[in-house]
Amino acid sequence: MTNRKSKRPADAYEALFIALAHPARRRIVHTLFFKGGAMTAGEIAHIFDHAWPTTTRHLQVLEAGGIIRHERKGRARTYRLDKKRLALARDWLNIFFEKP
């Protein structure tokens, strides 16, 4: 469910799964993981053929979902995976694979 005032998902699971719903965002997460968990915004943008604003929007959705966070150094932004947040998805999915 979405909070009408902020138009942001109301709970952590919803935000997480919304962020993972788009293939481009899953590709960003996958690439970040295999690049050691951190990349600059420019490095992330170079893996796509679409416009910079599209990449920025995907990064914002991933941040809203808590999957990535960024730090600024001057004009550069470095994005990092938050594996603890990704663990929410793993733990939720594990419910379906555990023996009752």
PDB file of N, CA and C in Angstrom:
ATOM      1  N   MET A   1       0.836  -1.173   0.000  1.00  0.00           N
ATOM      2  CA  MET A   1       0.000   0.000   0.000  1.00  0.00           C
ATOM      3  C   MET A   1       0.887   1.244   0.000  1.00  0.00           C
ATOM      4  N   THR A   2       0.433   2.298  -0.638  1.00  0.00           N
ATOM      5  CA  THR A   2       1.198   3.521  -0.752  1.00  0.00           C
ATOM      6  C   THR A   2       0.633   4.593   0.159  1.00  0.00           C
ATOM      7  N   ASN A   3       1.513   5.312   0.829  1.00  0.00           N
ATOM      8  CA  ASN A   3       1.125   6.431   1.651  1.00  0.00           C
ATOM      9  C   ASN A   3       0.776   7.588   0.717  1.00  0.00           C
ATOM     10  N   ARG A   4      -0.416   8.137   0.805  1.00  0.00           N
ATOM     11  CA  ARG A   4      -0.871   9.178  -0.125  1.00  0.00           C
ATOM     12  C   ARG A   4      -0.065  10.462  -0.017  1.00  0.00           C
ATOM     13  N   LYS A   5       0.413  10.806   1.151  1.00  0.00           N
ATOM     14  CA  LYS A   5       1.156  12.048   1.312  1.00  0.00           C
ATOM     15  C   LYS A   5       2.503  11.996   0.609  1.00  0.00           C
ATOM     16  N   SER A   6       3.237  10.937   0.789  1.00  0.00           N
ATOM     17  CA  SER A   6       4.583  10.881   0.238  1.00  0.00           C
ATOM     18  C   SER A   6       4.658  10.098  -1.073  1.00  0.00           C
ATOM     19  N   LYS A   7       3.613   9.349  -1.422  1.00  0.00           N
ATOM     20  CA  LYS A   7       3.597   8.488  -2.598  1.00  0.00           C
ATOM     21  C   LYS A   7       4.746   7.480  -2.573  1.00  0.00           C
ATOM     22  N   ARG A   8       5.169   7.088  -1.378  1.00  0.00           N
ATOM     23  CA  ARG A   8       6.195   6.065  -1.199  1.00  0.00           C
ATOM     24  C   ARG A   8       5.542   4.837  -0.595  1.00  0.00           C
ATOM     25  N   PRO A   9       6.090   3.670  -0.904  1.00  0.00           N
ATOM     26  CA  PRO A   9       5.510   2.444  -0.345  1.00  0.00           C
ATOM     27  C   PRO A   9       5.447   2.490   1.178  1.00  0.00           C
ATOM     28  N   ALA A  10       4.401   1.870   1.718  1.00  0.00           N
ATOM     29  CA  ALA A  10       4.134   1.930   3.149  1.00  0.00           C
ATOM     30  C   ALA A  10       4.982   0.973   3.967  1.00  0.00           C
ATOM     31  N   ASP A  11       5.515  -0.096   3.377  1.00  0.00           N
ATOM     32  CA  ASP A  11       6.328  -1.003   4.166  1.00  0.00           C
ATOM     33  C   ASP A  11       7.598  -1.414   3.419  1.00  0.00           C
ATOM     34  N   ALA A  12       8.521  -1.971   4.150  1.00  0.00           N
ATOM     35  CA  ALA A  12       9.831  -2.314   3.612  1.00  0.00           C
ATOM     36  C   ALA A  12       9.758  -3.354   2.504  1.00  0.00           C
ATOM     37  N   TYR A  13       8.893  -4.355   2.655  1.00  0.00           N
ATOM     38  CA  TYR A  13       8.778  -5.397   1.630  1.00  0.00           C
ATOM     39  C   TYR A  13       8.251  -4.818   0.316  1.00  0.00           C
ATOM     40  N   GLU A  14       7.250  -3.967   0.414  1.00  0.00           N
ATOM     41  CA  GLU A  14       6.692  -3.375  -0.799  1.00  0.00           C
ATOM     42  C   GLU A  14       7.741  -2.538  -1.519  1.00  0.00           C
ATOM     43  N   ALA A  15       8.462  -1.715  -0.780  1.00  0.00           N
ATOM     44  CA  ALA A  15       9.509  -0.885  -1.384  1.00  0.00           C
ATOM     45  C   ALA A  15      10.589  -1.749  -2.035  1.00  0.00           C
ATOM     46  N   LEU A  16      10.954  -2.806  -1.348  1.00  0.00           N
ATOM     47  CA  LEU A  16      11.986  -3.712  -1.850  1.00  0.00           C
ATOM     48  C   LEU A  16      11.556  -4.385  -3.144  1.00  0.00           C
ATOM     49  N   PHE A  17      10.353  -4.945  -3.160  1.00  0.00           N
ATOM     50  CA  PHE A  17       9.904  -5.665  -4.347  1.00  0.00           C
ATOM     51  C   PHE A  17       9.543  -4.734  -5.499  1.00  0.00           C
ATOM     52  N   ILE A  18       9.101  -3.515  -5.215  1.00  0.00           N
ATOM     53  CA  ILE A  18       8.892  -2.527  -6.273  1.00  0.00           C
ATOM     54  C   ILE A  18      10.243  -2.208  -6.923  1.00  0.00           C
ATOM     55  N   ALA A  19      11.259  -2.026  -6.108  1.00  0.00           N
ATOM     56  CA  ALA A  19      12.584  -1.712  -6.632  1.00  0.00           C
ATOM     57  C   ALA A  19      13.136  -2.838  -7.494  1.00  0.00           C
ATOM     58  N   LEU A  20      12.846  -4.070  -7.136  1.00  0.00           N
ATOM     59  CA  LEU A  20      13.362  -5.220  -7.886  1.00  0.00           C
ATOM     60  C   LEU A  20      12.475  -5.616  -9.069  1.00  0.00           C
ATOM     61  N   ALA A  21      11.344  -4.961  -9.235  1.00  0.00           N
ATOM     62  CA  ALA A  21      10.377  -5.358 -10.255  1.00  0.00           C
ATOM     63  C   ALA A  21      10.847  -5.081 -11.681  1.00  0.00           C
ATOM     64  N   HIS A  22      11.690  -4.101 -11.882  1.00  0.00           N
ATOM     65  CA  HIS A  22      12.097  -3.720 -13.239  1.00  0.00           C
ATOM     66  C   HIS A  22      13.410  -4.404 -13.624  1.00  0.00           C
ATOM     67  N   PRO A  23      13.490  -4.938 -14.841  1.00  0.00           N
ATOM     68  CA  PRO A  23      14.713  -5.645 -15.247  1.00  0.00           C
ATOM     69  C   PRO A  23      15.964  -4.773 -15.236  1.00  0.00           C
ATOM     70  N   ALA A  24      15.843  -3.495 -15.555  1.00  0.00           N
ATOM     71  CA  ALA A  24      17.017  -2.614 -15.538  1.00  0.00           C
ATOM     72  C   ALA A  24      17.547  -2.453 -14.112  1.00  0.00           C
ATOM     73  N   ARG A  25      16.638  -2.356 -13.140  1.00  0.00           N
ATOM     74  CA  ARG A  25      17.074  -2.220 -11.754  1.00  0.00           C
ATOM     75  C   ARG A  25      17.706  -3.507 -11.244  1.00  0.00           C
ATOM     76  N   ARG A  26      17.154  -4.667 -11.654  1.00  0.00           N
ATOM     77  CA  ARG A  26      17.785  -5.934 -11.281  1.00  0.00           C
ATOM     78  C   ARG A  26      19.177  -6.034 -11.906  1.00  0.00           C
ATOM     79  N   ARG A  27      19.329  -5.529 -13.108  1.00  0.00           N
ATOM     80  CA  ARG A  27      20.643  -5.543 -13.762  1.00  0.00           C
ATOM     81  C   ARG A  27      21.637  -4.654 -13.002  1.00  0.00           C
ATOM     82  N   ILE A  28      21.182  -3.508 -12.524  1.00  0.00           N
ATOM     83  CA  ILE A  28      22.048  -2.630 -11.727  1.00  0.00           C
ATOM     84  C   ILE A  28      22.505  -3.369 -10.467  1.00  0.00           C
ATOM     85  N   VAL A  29      21.569  -4.008  -9.758  1.00  0.00           N
ATOM     86  CA  VAL A  29      21.904  -4.739  -8.531  1.00  0.00           C
ATOM     87  C   VAL A  29      22.891  -5.860  -8.845  1.00  0.00           C
ATOM     88  N   HIS A  30      22.617  -6.589  -9.895  1.00  0.00           N
ATOM     89  CA  HIS A  30      23.487  -7.698 -10.308  1.00  0.00           C
ATOM     90  C   HIS A  30      24.891  -7.191 -10.638  1.00  0.00           C
ATOM     91  N   THR A  31      24.966  -6.123 -11.403  1.00  0.00           N
ATOM     92  CA  THR A  31      26.260  -5.559 -11.789  1.00  0.00           C
ATOM     93  C   THR A  31      27.009  -5.029 -10.578  1.00  0.00           C
ATOM     94  N   LEU A  32      26.310  -4.325  -9.697  1.00  0.00           N
ATOM     95  CA  LEU A  32      26.952  -3.829  -8.474  1.00  0.00           C
ATOM     96  C   LEU A  32      27.556  -4.982  -7.674  1.00  0.00           C
ATOM     97  N   PHE A  33      26.814  -6.058  -7.547  1.00  0.00           N
ATOM     98  CA  PHE A  33      27.300  -7.206  -6.798  1.00  0.00           C
ATOM     99  C   PHE A  33      28.596  -7.750  -7.398  1.00  0.00           C
ATOM    100  N   PHE A  34      28.613  -7.944  -8.708  1.00  0.00           N
ATOM    101  CA  PHE A  34      29.785  -8.531  -9.347  1.00  0.00           C
ATOM    102  C   PHE A  34      30.946  -7.547  -9.530  1.00  0.00           C
ATOM    103  N   LYS A  35      30.690  -6.274  -9.292  1.00  0.00           N
ATOM    104  CA  LYS A  35      31.767  -5.275  -9.318  1.00  0.00           C
ATOM    105  C   LYS A  35      32.242  -4.950  -7.905  1.00  0.00           C
ATOM    106  N   GLY A  36      31.964  -5.809  -6.961  1.00  0.00           N
ATOM    107  CA  GLY A  36      32.442  -5.618  -5.603  1.00  0.00           C
ATOM    108  C   GLY A  36      31.514  -4.844  -4.701  1.00  0.00           C
ATOM    109  N   GLY A  37      30.307  -4.535  -5.170  1.00  0.00           N
ATOM    110  CA  GLY A  37      29.322  -3.875  -4.323  1.00  0.00           C
ATOM    111  C   GLY A  37      29.290  -2.369  -4.409  1.00  0.00           C
ATOM    112  N   ALA A  38      30.174  -1.762  -5.223  1.00  0.00           N
ATOM    113  CA  ALA A  38      30.190  -0.308  -5.326  1.00  0.00           C
ATOM    114  C   ALA A  38      30.598   0.131  -6.731  1.00  0.00           C
ATOM    115  N   MET A  39      29.908   1.145  -7.243  1.00  0.00           N
ATOM    116  CA  MET A  39      30.225   1.730  -8.547  1.00  0.00           C
ATOM    117  C   MET A  39      29.817   3.198  -8.531  1.00  0.00           C
ATOM    118  N   THR A  40      30.456   3.989  -9.364  1.00  0.00           N
ATOM    119  CA  THR A  40      30.040   5.381  -9.498  1.00  0.00           C
ATOM    120  C   THR A  40      28.806   5.440 -10.382  1.00  0.00           C
ATOM    121  N   ALA A  41      28.113   6.560 -10.313  1.00  0.00           N
ATOM    122  CA  ALA A  41      26.923   6.745 -11.144  1.00  0.00           C
ATOM    123  C   ALA A  41      27.284   6.646 -12.623  1.00  0.00           C
ATOM    124  N   GLY A  42      28.412   7.190 -13.006  1.00  0.00           N
ATOM    125  CA  GLY A  42      28.850   7.133 -14.398  1.00  0.00           C
ATOM    126  C   GLY A  42      29.116   5.713 -14.860  1.00  0.00           C
ATOM    127  N   GLU A  43      29.729   4.920 -14.004  1.00  0.00           N
ATOM    128  CA  GLU A  43      29.980   3.517 -14.349  1.00  0.00           C
ATOM    129  C   GLU A  43      28.668   2.759 -14.532  1.00  0.00           C
ATOM    130  N   ILE A  44      27.703   3.040 -13.681  1.00  0.00           N
ATOM    131  CA  ILE A  44      26.395   2.395 -13.799  1.00  0.00           C
ATOM    132  C   ILE A  44      25.711   2.836 -15.092  1.00  0.00           C
ATOM    133  N   ALA A  45      25.770   4.117 -15.390  1.00  0.00           N
ATOM    134  CA  ALA A  45      25.117   4.646 -16.595  1.00  0.00           C
ATOM    135  C   ALA A  45      25.685   4.018 -17.859  1.00  0.00           C
ATOM    136  N   HIS A  46      26.962   3.675 -17.863  1.00  0.00           N
ATOM    137  CA  HIS A  46      27.597   3.117 -19.060  1.00  0.00           C
ATOM    138  C   HIS A  46      27.124   1.702 -19.391  1.00  0.00           C
ATOM    139  N   ILE A  47      26.447   1.025 -18.486  1.00  0.00           N
ATOM    140  CA  ILE A  47      25.979  -0.332 -18.797  1.00  0.00           C
ATOM    141  C   ILE A  47      24.654  -0.310 -19.545  1.00  0.00           C
ATOM    142  N   PHE A  48      24.064   0.878 -19.713  1.00  0.00           N
ATOM    143  CA  PHE A  48      22.769   1.015 -20.379  1.00  0.00           C
ATOM    144  C   PHE A  48      22.876   1.884 -21.628  1.00  0.00           C
ATOM    145  N   ASP A  49      21.925   1.672 -22.547  1.00  0.00           N
ATOM    146  CA  ASP A  49      21.846   2.486 -23.759  1.00  0.00           C
ATOM    147  C   ASP A  49      20.847   3.628 -23.615  1.00  0.00           C
ATOM    148  N   HIS A  50      20.143   3.683 -22.489  1.00  0.00           N
ATOM    149  CA  HIS A  50      19.124   4.718 -22.350  1.00  0.00           C
ATOM    150  C   HIS A  50      19.705   6.015 -21.780  1.00  0.00           C
ATOM    151  N   ALA A  51      18.872   7.041 -21.737  1.00  0.00           N
ATOM    152  CA  ALA A  51      19.283   8.381 -21.311  1.00  0.00           C
ATOM    153  C   ALA A  51      19.640   8.424 -19.824  1.00  0.00           C
ATOM    154  N   TRP A  52      20.496   9.366 -19.483  1.00  0.00           N
ATOM    155  CA  TRP A  52      20.925   9.555 -18.095  1.00  0.00           C
ATOM    156  C   TRP A  52      19.748   9.728 -17.145  1.00  0.00           C
ATOM    157  N   PRO A  53      18.704  10.532 -17.481  1.00  0.00           N
ATOM    158  CA  PRO A  53      17.578  10.667 -16.549  1.00  0.00           C
ATOM    159  C   PRO A  53      16.893   9.332 -16.233  1.00  0.00           C
ATOM    160  N   THR A  54      16.873   8.418 -17.178  1.00  0.00           N
ATOM    161  CA  THR A  54      16.280   7.105 -16.936  1.00  0.00           C
ATOM    162  C   THR A  54      17.107   6.333 -15.922  1.00  0.00           C
ATOM    163  N   THR A  55      18.413   6.375 -16.082  1.00  0.00           N
ATOM    164  CA  THR A  55      19.304   5.711 -15.117  1.00  0.00           C
ATOM    165  C   THR A  55      19.133   6.328 -13.737  1.00  0.00           C
ATOM    166  N   THR A  56      19.077   7.638 -13.674  1.00  0.00           N
ATOM    167  CA  THR A  56      18.904   8.340 -12.398  1.00  0.00           C
ATOM    168  C   THR A  56      17.617   7.902 -11.717  1.00  0.00           C
ATOM    169  N   ARG A  57      16.551   7.777 -12.484  1.00  0.00           N
ATOM    170  CA  ARG A  57      15.266   7.356 -11.913  1.00  0.00           C
ATOM    171  C   ARG A  57      15.365   5.941 -11.348  1.00  0.00           C
ATOM    172  N   HIS A  58      16.023   5.039 -12.071  1.00  0.00           N
ATOM    173  CA  HIS A  58      16.190   3.679 -11.564  1.00  0.00           C
ATOM    174  C   HIS A  58      17.007   3.678 -10.268  1.00  0.00           C
ATOM    175  N   LEU A  59      18.043   4.496 -10.209  1.00  0.00           N
ATOM    176  CA  LEU A  59      18.850   4.579  -8.985  1.00  0.00           C
ATOM    177  C   LEU A  59      18.024   5.119  -7.822  1.00  0.00           C
ATOM    178  N   GLN A  60      17.166   6.087  -8.095  1.00  0.00           N
ATOM    179  CA  GLN A  60      16.306   6.643  -7.046  1.00  0.00           C
ATOM    180  C   GLN A  60      15.338   5.591  -6.507  1.00  0.00           C
ATOM    181  N   VAL A  61      14.780   4.775  -7.382  1.00  0.00           N
ATOM    182  CA  VAL A  61      13.845   3.728  -6.949  1.00  0.00           C
ATOM    183  C   VAL A  61      14.587   2.685  -6.115  1.00  0.00           C
ATOM    184  N   LEU A  62      15.789   2.324  -6.539  1.00  0.00           N
ATOM    185  CA  LEU A  62      16.589   1.372  -5.761  1.00  0.00           C
ATOM    186  C   LEU A  62      16.939   1.939  -4.385  1.00  0.00           C
ATOM    187  N   GLU A  63      17.232   3.233  -4.325  1.00  0.00           N
ATOM    188  CA  GLU A  63      17.503   3.862  -3.020  1.00  0.00           C
ATOM    189  C   GLU A  63      16.250   3.897  -2.160  1.00  0.00           C
ATOM    190  N   ALA A  64      15.114   4.217  -2.750  1.00  0.00           N
ATOM    191  CA  ALA A  64      13.857   4.247  -1.995  1.00  0.00           C
ATOM    192  C   ALA A  64      13.528   2.863  -1.434  1.00  0.00           C
ATOM    193  N   GLY A  65      13.927   1.826  -2.152  1.00  0.00           N
ATOM    194  CA  GLY A  65      13.712   0.461  -1.690  1.00  0.00           C
ATOM    195  C   GLY A  65      14.751   0.009  -0.683  1.00  0.00           C
ATOM    196  N   GLY A  66      15.755   0.840  -0.455  1.00  0.00           N
ATOM    197  CA  GLY A  66      16.791   0.518   0.522  1.00  0.00           C
ATOM    198  C   GLY A  66      17.837  -0.461   0.013  1.00  0.00           C
ATOM    199  N   ILE A  67      17.821  -0.755  -1.273  1.00  0.00           N
ATOM    200  CA  ILE A  67      18.732  -1.741  -1.830  1.00  0.00           C
ATOM    201  C   ILE A  67      20.121  -1.167  -2.061  1.00  0.00           C
ATOM    202  N   ILE A  68      20.162   0.113  -2.403  1.00  0.00           N
ATOM    203  CA  ILE A  68      21.449   0.792  -2.568  1.00  0.00           C
ATOM    204  C   ILE A  68      21.427   2.081  -1.767  1.00  0.00           C
ATOM    205  N   ARG A  69      22.604   2.591  -1.528  1.00  0.00           N
ATOM    206  CA  ARG A  69      22.754   3.911  -0.905  1.00  0.00           C
ATOM    207  C   ARG A  69      23.921   4.583  -1.606  1.00  0.00           C
ATOM    208  N   HIS A  70      23.998   5.892  -1.502  1.00  0.00           N
ATOM    209  CA  HIS A  70      25.102   6.566  -2.172  1.00  0.00           C
ATOM    210  C   HIS A  70      25.855   7.472  -1.204  1.00  0.00           C
ATOM    211  N   GLU A  71      27.084   7.734  -1.582  1.00  0.00           N
ATOM    212  CA  GLU A  71      27.879   8.736  -0.873  1.00  0.00           C
ATOM    213  C   GLU A  71      28.445   9.665  -1.922  1.00  0.00           C
ATOM    214  N   ARG A  72      28.540  10.912  -1.556  1.00  0.00           N
ATOM    215  CA  ARG A  72      29.045  11.935  -2.464  1.00  0.00           C
ATOM    216  C   ARG A  72      30.453  12.327  -2.074  1.00  0.00           C
ATOM    217  N   LYS A  73      31.293  12.432  -3.076  1.00  0.00           N
ATOM    218  CA  LYS A  73      32.640  12.994  -2.908  1.00  0.00           C
ATOM    219  C   LYS A  73      32.813  13.992  -4.030  1.00  0.00           C
ATOM    220  N   GLY A  74      32.678  15.267  -3.691  1.00  0.00           N
ATOM    221  CA  GLY A  74      32.692  16.293  -4.723  1.00  0.00           C
ATOM    222  C   GLY A  74      31.473  16.134  -5.604  1.00  0.00           C
ATOM    223  N   ARG A  75      31.703  16.036  -6.899  1.00  0.00           N
ATOM    224  CA  ARG A  75      30.595  15.865  -7.842  1.00  0.00           C
ATOM    225  C   ARG A  75      30.263  14.394  -8.094  1.00  0.00           C
ATOM    226  N   ALA A  76      31.111  13.500  -7.640  1.00  0.00           N
ATOM    227  CA  ALA A  76      30.921  12.068  -7.909  1.00  0.00           C
ATOM    228  C   ALA A  76      30.039  11.419  -6.844  1.00  0.00           C
ATOM    229  N   ARG A  77      29.206  10.511  -7.293  1.00  0.00           N
ATOM    230  CA  ARG A  77      28.381   9.701  -6.396  1.00  0.00           C
ATOM    231  C   ARG A  77      28.794   8.251  -6.571  1.00  0.00           C
ATOM    232  N   THR A  78      29.014   7.599  -5.441  1.00  0.00           N
ATOM    233  CA  THR A  78      29.303   6.167  -5.464  1.00  0.00           C
ATOM    234  C   THR A  78      28.129   5.453  -4.831  1.00  0.00           C
ATOM    235  N   TYR A  79      27.603   4.476  -5.561  1.00  0.00           N
ATOM    236  CA  TYR A  79      26.465   3.698  -5.090  1.00  0.00           C
ATOM    237  C   TYR A  79      26.957   2.371  -4.557  1.00  0.00           C
ATOM    238  N   ARG A  80      26.390   1.951  -3.414  1.00  0.00           N
ATOM    239  CA  ARG A  80      26.769   0.696  -2.760  1.00  0.00           C
ATOM    240  C   ARG A  80      25.526  -0.137  -2.469  1.00  0.00           C
ATOM    241  N   LEU A  81      25.696  -1.448  -2.594  1.00  0.00           N
ATOM    242  CA  LEU A  81      24.617  -2.369  -2.241  1.00  0.00           C
ATOM    243  C   LEU A  81      24.430  -2.409  -0.729  1.00  0.00           C
ATOM    244  N   ASP A  82      23.193  -2.561  -0.309  1.00  0.00           N
ATOM    245  CA  ASP A  82      22.889  -2.808   1.097  1.00  0.00           C
ATOM    246  C   ASP A  82      22.409  -4.253   1.198  1.00  0.00           C
ATOM    247  N   LYS A  83      23.337  -5.159   1.476  1.00  0.00           N
ATOM    248  CA  LYS A  83      23.008  -6.584   1.496  1.00  0.00           C
ATOM    249  C   LYS A  83      22.041  -6.940   2.615  1.00  0.00           C
ATOM    250  N   LYS A  84      22.036  -6.163   3.691  1.00  0.00           N
ATOM    251  CA  LYS A  84      21.079  -6.433   4.771  1.00  0.00           C
ATOM    252  C   LYS A  84      19.658  -6.227   4.270  1.00  0.00           C
ATOM    253  N   ARG A  85      19.471  -5.216   3.453  1.00  0.00           N
ATOM    254  CA  ARG A  85      18.130  -4.956   2.916  1.00  0.00           C
ATOM    255  C   ARG A  85      17.732  -6.058   1.932  1.00  0.00           C
ATOM    256  N   LEU A  86      18.688  -6.510   1.116  1.00  0.00           N
ATOM    257  CA  LEU A  86      18.407  -7.611   0.192  1.00  0.00           C
ATOM    258  C   LEU A  86      18.073  -8.893   0.945  1.00  0.00           C
ATOM    259  N   ALA A  87      18.579  -9.021   2.146  1.00  0.00           N
ATOM    260  CA  ALA A  87      18.287 -10.207   2.958  1.00  0.00           C
ATOM    261  C   ALA A  87      16.798 -10.300   3.281  1.00  0.00           C
ATOM    262  N   LEU A  88      16.096  -9.171   3.301  1.00  0.00           N
ATOM    263  CA  LEU A  88      14.641  -9.205   3.519  1.00  0.00           C
ATOM    264  C   LEU A  88      13.968 -10.032   2.424  1.00  0.00           C
ATOM    265  N   ALA A  89      14.383  -9.816   1.181  1.00  0.00           N
ATOM    266  CA  ALA A  89      13.800 -10.576   0.065  1.00  0.00           C
ATOM    267  C   ALA A  89      14.134 -12.051   0.204  1.00  0.00           C
ATOM    268  N   ARG A  90      15.386 -12.343   0.528  1.00  0.00           N
ATOM    269  CA  ARG A  90      15.800 -13.743   0.717  1.00  0.00           C
ATOM    270  C   ARG A  90      14.986 -14.406   1.816  1.00  0.00           C
ATOM    271  N   ASP A  91      14.866 -13.736   2.945  1.00  0.00           N
ATOM    272  CA  ASP A  91      14.142 -14.306   4.081  1.00  0.00           C
ATOM    273  C   ASP A  91      12.666 -14.515   3.753  1.00  0.00           C
ATOM    274  N   TRP A  92      12.066 -13.561   3.033  1.00  0.00           N
ATOM    275  CA  TRP A  92      10.658 -13.702   2.675  1.00  0.00           C
ATOM    276  C   TRP A  92      10.485 -14.882   1.728  1.00  0.00           C
ATOM    277  N   LEU A  93      11.352 -15.012   0.740  1.00  0.00           N
ATOM    278  CA  LEU A  93      11.253 -16.122  -0.217  1.00  0.00           C
ATOM    279  C   LEU A  93      11.547 -17.470   0.430  1.00  0.00           C
ATOM    280  N   ASN A  94      12.416 -17.497   1.423  1.00  0.00           N
ATOM    281  CA  ASN A  94      12.747 -18.751   2.101  1.00  0.00           C
ATOM    282  C   ASN A  94      11.538 -19.378   2.790  1.00  0.00           C
ATOM    283  N   ILE A  95      10.562 -18.581   3.137  1.00  0.00           N
ATOM    284  CA  ILE A  95       9.344 -19.109   3.752  1.00  0.00           C
ATOM    285  C   ILE A  95       8.737 -20.203   2.868  1.00  0.00           C
ATOM    286  N   PHE A  96       8.834 -20.031   1.561  1.00  0.00           N
ATOM    287  CA  PHE A  96       8.216 -20.959   0.626  1.00  0.00           C
ATOM    288  C   PHE A  96       9.040 -22.217   0.380  1.00  0.00           C
ATOM    289  N   PHE A  97      10.259 -22.232   0.877  1.00  0.00           N
ATOM    290  CA  PHE A  97      11.135 -23.363   0.637  1.00  0.00           C
ATOM    291  C   PHE A  97      11.432 -24.165   1.903  1.00  0.00           C
ATOM    292  N   GLU A  98      11.007 -23.662   3.040  1.00  0.00           N
ATOM    293  CA  GLU A  98      11.186 -24.367   4.289  1.00  0.00           C
ATOM    294  C   GLU A  98      10.112 -25.440   4.437  1.00  0.00           C
ATOM    295  N   LYS A  99      10.479 -26.496   5.067  1.00  0.00           N
ATOM    296  CA  LYS A  99       9.504 -27.559   5.301  1.00  0.00           C
ATOM    297  C   LYS A  99       8.565 -27.135   6.427  1.00  0.00           C
ATOM    298  N   PRO A 100       7.273 -27.377   6.238  1.00  0.00           N
ATOM    299  CA  PRO A 100       6.304 -26.995   7.282  1.00  0.00           C
ATOM    300  C   PRO A 100       6.432 -27.837   8.528  1.00  0.00           C
TER     301      PRO A 100
END
